[in-house]
Amino acid sequence: MAKKNRPLTVKTHFEYYFWVYLLIALAGWFVGDLAYTMTEYRPPAERKVEFQLVQSGYVAVEDFEATLAPALLAAGQSYDETLEAVDFFHIAYSGDATKDVYGAQKYSVMLAAGQGDIWIVDSNQFQQLWQMGGLKPLDEYVAAGLLSTEGMDLSGMMLPETTGETDEEGVPLPATGPDRLYGIPVRGNPWLESAGFDTADCCAVLMHFSVNPETCARVLGALIALPFKEAPA
């Protein structure tokens, strides 16, 4: 005697085809998230200031989204009302490419892509970037009152101006210009240290590919001067 088929009720339909609806829901979420990511507004380079914190290990730059970034944005907008964003990013690179291959790759890619305006680097990376001609001098912004170095030990920060030229093999020619200020010490900065960034041997530099250097100098000056106790609630 043939077995009768059980009627397909709504309940049994979902029992049998639940995975189909789950896949449809997941696909819909993925498409929606992708569309949002592709269409989300991003300020152009001239209307934002990006920090790149270069150091191995974990640095909690996401903690600055609700605290430091708004304060620096307000400081930057007091000078440039078109400024729309101040962002912080982390490059987990120790400076040793033989031991930190992934970090070295990201470091090189960010440099080649011209990402970030203000980089926080250690003394070795500072020297390398200067020798490459990758830094903007900062003394003109100090003279303009956008950045203060009062009370700072600038030993090692004053270096001959680079020519920006290379030899036939692409090696930068020796710097022969007058001494210029290329870095700002950040040792002991409470904001950076609160995110787990070791500031002992580090300085802030302005990258040569920054398109809004004056605004960046103003924001960097605010980072140095902003007391940690004034963090927005």
C-alpha atoms as a PDB file:
ATOM      1  CA  MET A   1       0.000   0.000   0.000  1.00  0.00           C
ATOM      2  CA  ALA A   2       1.510   3.328  -1.096  1.00  0.00           C
ATOM      3  CA  LYS A   3       2.414   5.777   1.635  1.00  0.00           C
ATOM      4  CA  LYS A   4       0.411   8.983   1.513  1.00  0.00           C
ATOM      5  CA  ASN A   5       2.330  12.281   1.224  1.00  0.00           C
ATOM      6  CA  ARG A   6       1.864  14.592   4.210  1.00  0.00           C
ATOM      7  CA  PRO A   7       0.223  17.900   3.214  1.00  0.00           C
ATOM      8  CA  LEU A   8       2.789  20.760   3.087  1.00  0.00           C
ATOM      9  CA  THR A   9       1.546  23.169   5.716  1.00  0.00           C
ATOM     10  CA  VAL A  10       3.043  26.556   6.497  1.00  0.00           C
ATOM     11  CA  LYS A  11       4.820  25.056   9.489  1.00  0.00           C
ATOM     12  CA  THR A  12       6.366  22.182   7.563  1.00  0.00           C
ATOM     13  CA  HIS A  13       7.253  24.551   4.711  1.00  0.00           C
ATOM     14  CA  PHE A  14       9.443  26.615   7.003  1.00  0.00           C
ATOM     15  CA  GLU A  15      10.881  23.468   8.585  1.00  0.00           C
ATOM     16  CA  TYR A  16      12.064  22.234   5.198  1.00  0.00           C
ATOM     17  CA  TYR A  17      13.072  25.570   3.642  1.00  0.00           C
ATOM     18  CA  PHE A  18      14.311  27.556   6.639  1.00  0.00           C
ATOM     19  CA  TRP A  19      17.902  27.487   5.328  1.00  0.00           C
ATOM     20  CA  VAL A  20      16.738  28.986   2.020  1.00  0.00           C
ATOM     21  CA  TYR A  21      15.204  32.003   3.775  1.00  0.00           C
ATOM     22  CA  LEU A  22      18.305  32.305   5.950  1.00  0.00           C
ATOM     23  CA  LEU A  23      20.535  32.472   2.874  1.00  0.00           C
ATOM     24  CA  ILE A  24      18.225  35.036   1.273  1.00  0.00           C
ATOM     25  CA  ALA A  25      18.340  37.185   4.428  1.00  0.00           C
ATOM     26  CA  LEU A  26      22.134  36.961   4.645  1.00  0.00           C
ATOM     27  CA  ALA A  27      22.515  37.806   0.965  1.00  0.00           C
ATOM     28  CA  GLY A  28      20.208  40.804   1.368  1.00  0.00           C
ATOM     29  CA  TRP A  29      22.167  42.065   4.362  1.00  0.00           C
ATOM     30  CA  PHE A  30      25.463  41.649   2.486  1.00  0.00           C
ATOM     31  CA  VAL A  31      24.197  43.533  -0.571  1.00  0.00           C
ATOM     32  CA  GLY A  32      22.774  46.317   1.588  1.00  0.00           C
ATOM     33  CA  ASP A  33      25.986  46.658   3.599  1.00  0.00           C
ATOM     34  CA  LEU A  34      28.067  46.687   0.422  1.00  0.00           C
ATOM     35  CA  ALA A  35      25.856  49.349  -1.150  1.00  0.00           C
ATOM     36  CA  TYR A  36      26.110  51.518   1.979  1.00  0.00           C
ATOM     37  CA  THR A  37      29.896  51.154   2.075  1.00  0.00           C
ATOM     38  CA  MET A  38      30.227  52.084  -1.593  1.00  0.00           C
ATOM     39  CA  THR A  39      27.893  55.085  -1.385  1.00  0.00           C
ATOM     40  CA  GLU A  40      28.832  56.364   2.101  1.00  0.00           C
ATOM     41  CA  TYR A  41      30.020  59.965   1.979  1.00  0.00           C
ATOM     42  CA  ARG A  42      33.727  60.461   2.593  1.00  0.00           C
ATOM     43  CA  PRO A  43      35.233  63.933   2.914  1.00  0.00           C
ATOM     44  CA  PRO A  44      37.802  64.794   0.242  1.00  0.00           C
ATOM     45  CA  ALA A  45      41.447  64.942   1.284  1.00  0.00           C
ATOM     46  CA  GLU A  46      41.467  68.735   1.572  1.00  0.00           C
ATOM     47  CA  ARG A  47      38.612  68.626   4.118  1.00  0.00           C
ATOM     48  CA  LYS A  48      40.021  66.097   6.559  1.00  0.00           C
ATOM     49  CA  VAL A  49      43.086  65.480   8.681  1.00  0.00           C
ATOM     50  CA  GLU A  50      44.301  61.918   9.071  1.00  0.00           C
ATOM     51  CA  PHE A  51      46.720  60.648  11.706  1.00  0.00           C
ATOM     52  CA  GLN A  52      48.702  57.450  11.160  1.00  0.00           C
ATOM     53  CA  LEU A  53      50.133  55.999  14.379  1.00  0.00           C
ATOM     54  CA  VAL A  54      53.021  53.684  13.476  1.00  0.00           C
ATOM     55  CA  GLN A  55      53.957  51.148  16.138  1.00  0.00           C
ATOM     56  CA  SER A  56      53.789  47.395  16.648  1.00  0.00           C
ATOM     57  CA  GLY A  57      51.183  45.892  18.920  1.00  0.00           C
ATOM     58  CA  TYR A  58      47.649  47.054  19.574  1.00  0.00           C
ATOM     59  CA  VAL A  59      46.836  50.767  19.689  1.00  0.00           C
ATOM     60  CA  ALA A  60      43.234  51.659  20.571  1.00  0.00           C
ATOM     61  CA  VAL A  61      42.764  54.458  18.039  1.00  0.00           C
ATOM     62  CA  GLU A  62      39.013  53.755  18.004  1.00  0.00           C
ATOM     63  CA  ASP A  63      38.865  55.238  21.523  1.00  0.00           C
ATOM     64  CA  PHE A  64      39.551  58.667  20.005  1.00  0.00           C
ATOM     65  CA  GLU A  65      36.335  58.689  17.956  1.00  0.00           C
ATOM     66  CA  ALA A  66      34.243  60.043  20.809  1.00  0.00           C
ATOM     67  CA  THR A  67      36.933  61.925  22.739  1.00  0.00           C
ATOM     68  CA  LEU A  68      39.994  63.346  21.037  1.00  0.00           C
ATOM     69  CA  ALA A  69      38.754  63.582  17.438  1.00  0.00           C
ATOM     70  CA  PRO A  70      35.810  65.962  18.189  1.00  0.00           C
ATOM     71  CA  ALA A  71      38.062  68.291  20.183  1.00  0.00           C
ATOM     72  CA  LEU A  72      40.659  68.412  17.413  1.00  0.00           C
ATOM     73  CA  LEU A  73      37.965  68.883  14.781  1.00  0.00           C
ATOM     74  CA  ALA A  74      36.662  71.923  16.641  1.00  0.00           C
ATOM     75  CA  ALA A  75      40.192  73.312  16.918  1.00  0.00           C
ATOM     76  CA  GLY A  76      40.782  72.761  13.216  1.00  0.00           C
ATOM     77  CA  GLN A  77      37.474  74.347  12.242  1.00  0.00           C
ATOM     78  CA  SER A  78      38.394  77.471  14.200  1.00  0.00           C
ATOM     79  CA  TYR A  79      41.104  77.952  11.566  1.00  0.00           C
ATOM     80  CA  ASP A  80      39.522  76.242   8.537  1.00  0.00           C
ATOM     81  CA  GLU A  81      35.733  76.117   8.592  1.00  0.00           C
ATOM     82  CA  THR A  82      35.674  73.667   5.665  1.00  0.00           C
ATOM     83  CA  LEU A  83      37.314  70.920   7.761  1.00  0.00           C
ATOM     84  CA  GLU A  84      34.904  67.995   8.102  1.00  0.00           C
ATOM     85  CA  ALA A  85      36.786  65.192   9.841  1.00  0.00           C
ATOM     86  CA  VAL A  86      39.776  64.251  11.962  1.00  0.00           C
ATOM     87  CA  ASP A  87      40.548  60.530  11.870  1.00  0.00           C
ATOM     88  CA  PHE A  88      43.064  58.242  13.543  1.00  0.00           C
ATOM     89  CA  PHE A  89      44.511  55.054  12.049  1.00  0.00           C
ATOM     90  CA  HIS A  90      47.099  52.542  13.193  1.00  0.00           C
ATOM     91  CA  ILE A  91      49.895  50.880  11.223  1.00  0.00           C
ATOM     92  CA  ALA A  92      51.159  47.932  13.264  1.00  0.00           C
ATOM     93  CA  TYR A  93      54.772  48.129  12.164  1.00  0.00           C
ATOM     94  CA  SER A  94      57.814  47.715  14.405  1.00  0.00           C
ATOM     95  CA  GLY A  95      60.292  49.141  11.900  1.00  0.00           C
ATOM     96  CA  ASP A  96      61.937  45.759  11.322  1.00  0.00           C
ATOM     97  CA  ALA A  97      60.800  44.467   7.928  1.00  0.00           C
ATOM     98  CA  THR A  98      62.525  41.114   8.427  1.00  0.00           C
ATOM     99  CA  LYS A  99      60.471  40.306  11.522  1.00  0.00           C
ATOM    100  CA  ASP A 100      57.293  42.205  10.700  1.00  0.00           C
ATOM    101  CA  VAL A 101      56.533  41.436   7.058  1.00  0.00           C
ATOM    102  CA  TYR A 102      52.838  42.331   7.110  1.00  0.00           C
ATOM    103  CA  GLY A 103      53.453  45.582   8.981  1.00  0.00           C
ATOM    104  CA  ALA A 104      56.209  46.532   6.539  1.00  0.00           C
ATOM    105  CA  GLN A 105      53.888  45.860   3.599  1.00  0.00           C
ATOM    106  CA  LYS A 106      51.124  48.043   5.026  1.00  0.00           C
ATOM    107  CA  TYR A 107      53.622  50.785   5.876  1.00  0.00           C
ATOM    108  CA  SER A 108      54.947  50.789   2.304  1.00  0.00           C
ATOM    109  CA  VAL A 109      51.459  50.699   0.765  1.00  0.00           C
ATOM    110  CA  MET A 110      50.281  53.646   2.853  1.00  0.00           C
ATOM    111  CA  LEU A 111      53.342  55.642   1.847  1.00  0.00           C
ATOM    112  CA  ALA A 112      52.920  54.810  -1.828  1.00  0.00           C
ATOM    113  CA  ALA A 113      49.217  55.639  -1.706  1.00  0.00           C
ATOM    114  CA  GLY A 114      49.820  58.945   0.097  1.00  0.00           C
ATOM    115  CA  GLN A 115      47.523  58.066   3.004  1.00  0.00           C
ATOM    116  CA  GLY A 116      47.567  60.189   6.105  1.00  0.00           C
ATOM    117  CA  ASP A 117      48.671  63.742   6.819  1.00  0.00           C
ATOM    118  CA  ILE A 118      50.338  63.501  10.217  1.00  0.00           C
ATOM    119  CA  TRP A 119      52.322  60.389  11.034  1.00  0.00           C
ATOM    120  CA  ILE A 120      53.532  59.508  14.533  1.00  0.00           C
ATOM    121  CA  VAL A 121      56.766  57.547  14.125  1.00  0.00           C
ATOM    122  CA  ASP A 122      59.860  56.545  16.063  1.00  0.00           C
ATOM    123  CA  SER A 123      63.282  58.141  15.585  1.00  0.00           C
ATOM    124  CA  ASN A 124      64.495  55.579  13.030  1.00  0.00           C
ATOM    125  CA  GLN A 125      61.417  55.954  10.845  1.00  0.00           C
ATOM    126  CA  PHE A 126      61.702  59.727  11.205  1.00  0.00           C
ATOM    127  CA  GLN A 127      65.230  59.641   9.798  1.00  0.00           C
ATOM    128  CA  GLN A 128      64.198  57.356   6.946  1.00  0.00           C
ATOM    129  CA  LEU A 129      61.251  59.528   5.934  1.00  0.00           C
ATOM    130  CA  TRP A 130      63.417  62.651   6.050  1.00  0.00           C
ATOM    131  CA  GLN A 131      66.147  61.064   3.909  1.00  0.00           C
ATOM    132  CA  MET A 132      63.489  60.063   1.364  1.00  0.00           C
ATOM    133  CA  GLY A 133      62.332  63.672   1.140  1.00  0.00           C
ATOM    134  CA  GLY A 134      58.950  62.596   2.429  1.00  0.00           C
ATOM    135  CA  LEU A 135      58.451  65.314   5.070  1.00  0.00           C
ATOM    136  CA  LYS A 136      57.308  68.920   5.023  1.00  0.00           C
ATOM    137  CA  PRO A 137      59.295  71.400   7.143  1.00  0.00           C
ATOM    138  CA  LEU A 138      57.293  72.670  10.108  1.00  0.00           C
ATOM    139  CA  ASP A 139      59.106  75.880  11.053  1.00  0.00           C
ATOM    140  CA  GLU A 140      56.930  78.056   8.812  1.00  0.00           C
ATOM    141  CA  TYR A 141      53.827  76.858  10.662  1.00  0.00           C
ATOM    142  CA  VAL A 142      55.504  77.581  13.985  1.00  0.00           C
ATOM    143  CA  ALA A 143      56.284  81.104  12.751  1.00  0.00           C
ATOM    144  CA  ALA A 144      52.645  81.516  11.684  1.00  0.00           C
ATOM    145  CA  GLY A 145      51.418  80.612  15.168  1.00  0.00           C
ATOM    146  CA  LEU A 146      49.699  77.388  14.074  1.00  0.00           C
ATOM    147  CA  LEU A 147      52.063  75.197  16.045  1.00  0.00           C
ATOM    148  CA  SER A 148      53.946  75.855  19.251  1.00  0.00           C
ATOM    149  CA  THR A 149      57.293  74.324  20.233  1.00  0.00           C
ATOM    150  CA  GLU A 150      57.716  76.314  23.423  1.00  0.00           C
ATOM    151  CA  GLY A 151      59.552  74.336  26.068  1.00  0.00           C
ATOM    152  CA  MET A 152      60.265  71.406  23.733  1.00  0.00           C
ATOM    153  CA  ASP A 153      63.607  69.708  23.267  1.00  0.00           C
ATOM    154  CA  LEU A 154      64.017  69.751  19.490  1.00  0.00           C
ATOM    155  CA  SER A 155      67.301  67.840  19.475  1.00  0.00           C
ATOM    156  CA  GLY A 156      67.384  65.724  16.359  1.00  0.00           C
ATOM    157  CA  MET A 157      64.323  67.432  14.900  1.00  0.00           C
ATOM    158  CA  MET A 158      66.314  70.153  13.112  1.00  0.00           C
ATOM    159  CA  LEU A 159      67.805  68.698   9.920  1.00  0.00           C
ATOM    160  CA  PRO A 160      69.178  70.046   6.604  1.00  0.00           C
ATOM    161  CA  GLU A 161      66.530  70.682   3.998  1.00  0.00           C
ATOM    162  CA  THR A 162      66.374  67.890   1.438  1.00  0.00           C
ATOM    163  CA  THR A 163      66.619  68.561  -2.290  1.00  0.00           C
ATOM    164  CA  GLY A 164      63.969  66.028  -3.258  1.00  0.00           C
ATOM    165  CA  GLU A 165      66.277  64.803  -6.023  1.00  0.00           C
ATOM    166  CA  THR A 166      67.713  61.321  -6.570  1.00  0.00           C
ATOM    167  CA  ASP A 167      70.659  59.828  -8.412  1.00  0.00           C
ATOM    168  CA  GLU A 168      70.426  57.508 -11.420  1.00  0.00           C
ATOM    169  CA  GLU A 169      69.633  54.567  -9.149  1.00  0.00           C
ATOM    170  CA  GLY A 170      66.825  56.407  -7.385  1.00  0.00           C
ATOM    171  CA  VAL A 171      68.786  57.024  -4.184  1.00  0.00           C
ATOM    172  CA  PRO A 172      67.993  60.435  -2.614  1.00  0.00           C
ATOM    173  CA  LEU A 173      70.826  62.946  -2.924  1.00  0.00           C
ATOM    174  CA  PRO A 174      72.381  64.246   0.320  1.00  0.00           C
ATOM    175  CA  ALA A 175      70.517  67.063   2.029  1.00  0.00           C
ATOM    176  CA  THR A 176      72.484  70.273   1.628  1.00  0.00           C
ATOM    177  CA  GLY A 177      69.968  72.977   2.500  1.00  0.00           C
ATOM    178  CA  PRO A 178      69.603  75.010   5.695  1.00  0.00           C
ATOM    179  CA  ASP A 179      68.430  73.354   8.886  1.00  0.00           C
ATOM    180  CA  ARG A 180      64.646  73.092   9.095  1.00  0.00           C
ATOM    181  CA  LEU A 181      62.262  71.703  11.695  1.00  0.00           C
ATOM    182  CA  TYR A 182      60.895  68.350  10.515  1.00  0.00           C
ATOM    183  CA  GLY A 183      59.433  66.767  13.642  1.00  0.00           C
ATOM    184  CA  ILE A 184      57.578  67.569  16.859  1.00  0.00           C
ATOM    185  CA  PRO A 185      58.332  65.402  19.916  1.00  0.00           C
ATOM    186  CA  VAL A 186      55.262  63.723  21.433  1.00  0.00           C
ATOM    187  CA  ARG A 187      56.982  62.135  24.426  1.00  0.00           C
ATOM    188  CA  GLY A 188      54.564  61.879  27.339  1.00  0.00           C
ATOM    189  CA  ASN A 189      51.483  62.957  25.378  1.00  0.00           C
ATOM    190  CA  PRO A 190      48.623  61.675  27.573  1.00  0.00           C
ATOM    191  CA  TRP A 191      46.192  61.215  24.700  1.00  0.00           C
ATOM    192  CA  LEU A 192      48.478  58.929  22.728  1.00  0.00           C
ATOM    193  CA  GLU A 193      49.558  57.010  25.797  1.00  0.00           C
ATOM    194  CA  SER A 194      45.925  56.477  26.838  1.00  0.00           C
ATOM    195  CA  ALA A 195      45.493  54.438  23.640  1.00  0.00           C
ATOM    196  CA  GLY A 196      48.487  52.242  24.427  1.00  0.00           C
ATOM    197  CA  PHE A 197      50.959  54.090  22.190  1.00  0.00           C
ATOM    198  CA  ASP A 198      54.506  54.228  23.567  1.00  0.00           C
ATOM    199  CA  THR A 199      55.613  57.831  23.024  1.00  0.00           C
ATOM    200  CA  ALA A 200      59.124  57.535  24.513  1.00  0.00           C
ATOM    201  CA  ASP A 201      61.068  57.752  21.246  1.00  0.00           C
ATOM    202  CA  CYS A 202      58.433  59.199  18.908  1.00  0.00           C
ATOM    203  CA  CYS A 203      57.634  62.393  17.071  1.00  0.00           C
ATOM    204  CA  ALA A 204      54.910  63.762  14.824  1.00  0.00           C
ATOM    205  CA  VAL A 205      55.744  64.588  11.217  1.00  0.00           C
ATOM    206  CA  LEU A 206      53.807  66.210   8.385  1.00  0.00           C
ATOM    207  CA  MET A 207      53.926  64.164   5.192  1.00  0.00           C
ATOM    208  CA  HIS A 208      54.887  65.826   1.938  1.00  0.00           C
ATOM    209  CA  PHE A 209      51.717  64.581   0.211  1.00  0.00           C
ATOM    210  CA  SER A 210      49.371  66.371   2.636  1.00  0.00           C
ATOM    211  CA  VAL A 211      47.104  68.735   0.658  1.00  0.00           C
ATOM    212  CA  ASN A 212      46.071  70.935   3.608  1.00  0.00           C
ATOM    213  CA  PRO A 213      49.283  71.396   5.622  1.00  0.00           C
ATOM    214  CA  GLU A 214      48.234  74.606   7.400  1.00  0.00           C
ATOM    215  CA  THR A 215      45.079  72.999   8.798  1.00  0.00           C
ATOM    216  CA  CYS A 216      47.057  69.894   9.737  1.00  0.00           C
ATOM    217  CA  ALA A 217      49.573  72.041  11.608  1.00  0.00           C
ATOM    218  CA  ARG A 218      46.730  73.686  13.533  1.00  0.00           C
ATOM    219  CA  VAL A 219      45.257  70.297  14.466  1.00  0.00           C
ATOM    220  CA  LEU A 220      48.663  68.938  15.487  1.00  0.00           C
ATOM    221  CA  GLY A 221      49.191  71.998  17.653  1.00  0.00           C
ATOM    222  CA  ALA A 222      45.844  71.317  19.323  1.00  0.00           C
ATOM    223  CA  LEU A 223      46.813  67.687  20.006  1.00  0.00           C
ATOM    224  CA  ILE A 224      49.979  68.819  21.761  1.00  0.00           C
ATOM    225  CA  ALA A 225      48.276  71.548  23.769  1.00  0.00           C
ATOM    226  CA  LEU A 226      44.979  69.829  24.716  1.00  0.00           C
ATOM    227  CA  PRO A 227      45.026  68.762  28.385  1.00  0.00           C
ATOM    228  CA  PHE A 228      43.909  65.202  28.902  1.00  0.00           C
ATOM    229  CA  LYS A 229      41.465  66.248  31.622  1.00  0.00           C
ATOM    230  CA  GLU A 230      39.501  68.241  29.046  1.00  0.00           C
ATOM    231  CA  ALA A 231      38.328  65.139  27.198  1.00  0.00           C
ATOM    232  CA  PRO A 232      34.683  65.587  26.130  1.00  0.00           C
ATOM    233  CA  ALA A 233      32.246  63.556  28.192  1.00  0.00           C
END
